[in-house]
Protein backbone atom coordinates (compact mmCIF):
# COMPACT_ATOMS: atom_id res chain seq x y z
CA UNK A 1 154.26 -81.37 125.01
CA UNK A 2 156.33 -80.88 121.84
CA UNK A 3 154.66 -79.91 118.58
CA UNK A 4 156.41 -80.68 115.29
CA UNK A 5 155.52 -77.84 112.90
CA UNK A 6 157.88 -79.08 110.20
CA UNK A 7 155.35 -81.54 108.79
CA UNK A 8 152.53 -79.01 108.49
CA UNK A 9 154.48 -75.83 107.71
CA UNK A 10 157.11 -76.84 105.18
CA UNK A 11 155.22 -75.12 102.34
CA UNK A 12 154.76 -71.78 104.11
CA UNK A 13 157.03 -69.17 102.57
CA UNK A 14 155.20 -66.06 103.65
CA UNK A 15 152.32 -64.70 105.72
CA UNK A 16 150.08 -61.73 105.05
CA UNK A 17 147.64 -60.12 107.43
CA UNK A 18 145.31 -57.26 106.52
CA UNK A 19 142.90 -54.98 108.35
CA UNK A 20 140.26 -52.69 106.81
CA UNK A 21 139.73 -49.33 108.51
CA UNK A 22 136.71 -47.23 107.57
CA UNK A 23 136.04 -43.68 108.65
CA UNK A 24 133.99 -40.81 107.33
CA UNK A 25 137.09 -39.31 105.71
CA UNK A 26 138.83 -42.36 104.26
CA UNK A 27 139.06 -46.09 103.70
CA UNK A 28 142.41 -47.62 104.62
CA UNK A 29 143.80 -51.14 104.34
CA UNK A 30 146.79 -51.97 106.50
CA UNK A 31 148.94 -54.91 105.36
CA UNK A 32 151.66 -56.66 107.27
CA UNK A 33 153.81 -59.30 105.59
CA UNK A 34 156.42 -61.79 106.68
CA UNK A 35 158.71 -63.85 104.46
CA UNK A 36 160.63 -66.73 106.00
CA UNK A 37 164.42 -66.33 105.69
CA UNK A 38 164.62 -69.46 103.54
CA UNK A 39 161.47 -68.59 101.60
CA UNK A 40 161.63 -67.93 97.89
CA UNK A 41 161.79 -64.14 97.41
CA UNK A 42 160.47 -64.28 93.84
CA UNK A 43 157.49 -66.39 94.98
CA UNK A 44 156.86 -63.94 97.83
CA UNK A 45 156.97 -60.84 95.60
CA UNK A 46 154.80 -62.49 92.95
CA UNK A 47 152.09 -63.37 95.48
CA UNK A 48 152.16 -59.94 97.11
CA UNK A 49 151.74 -58.43 93.63
CA UNK A 50 148.74 -60.67 92.91
CA UNK A 51 147.08 -59.76 96.21
CA UNK A 52 147.65 -56.02 95.83
CA UNK A 53 146.49 -56.05 92.21
CA UNK A 54 143.32 -57.87 93.22
CA UNK A 55 142.58 -55.50 96.11
CA UNK A 56 143.61 -52.24 94.42
CA UNK A 57 141.12 -49.41 94.28
CA UNK A 58 141.88 -45.74 93.71
CA UNK A 59 139.42 -44.92 96.51
CA UNK A 60 141.32 -46.89 99.15
CA UNK A 61 144.60 -45.97 100.80
CA UNK A 62 147.15 -48.69 101.53
CA UNK A 63 149.68 -48.91 104.34
CA UNK A 64 152.13 -51.71 103.66
CA UNK A 65 154.80 -52.97 106.03
CA UNK A 66 156.44 -56.08 107.32
CA UNK A 67 159.58 -58.17 107.24
CA UNK A 68 160.77 -59.68 103.98
CA UNK A 69 164.09 -60.79 105.52
CA UNK A 70 166.30 -58.81 103.17
CA UNK A 71 169.43 -57.11 104.45
CA UNK A 72 169.33 -53.56 103.05
CA UNK A 73 172.74 -52.68 104.51
CA UNK A 74 174.58 -54.82 101.97
CA UNK A 75 174.34 -54.80 98.19
CA UNK A 76 172.89 -58.20 97.34
CA UNK A 77 170.82 -59.78 94.59
CA UNK A 78 167.87 -60.15 97.00
CA UNK A 79 168.01 -56.46 97.89
CA UNK A 80 167.97 -55.52 94.20
CA UNK A 81 164.94 -57.76 93.58
CA UNK A 82 162.84 -55.70 96.01
CA UNK A 83 163.45 -52.38 94.26
CA UNK A 84 160.99 -51.21 91.62
């Protein structure tokens, strides 16, 4: 059986998954992100910023990782967009 994901996934530029960890000593949120190679980097960064701003609390620690499909070994416009 072949499934055509093109029709239902053409608007997906990125994915974010998060897990909340609670212990007696700390509260941690672990985020993992993925941006499709052809996804709009500005759109991706804007949405990650919205999510992190919404979830921010000084009492919670964040661990953030993932794949934004940017080659950091070459000096490119996309690489420069990801630097603060």
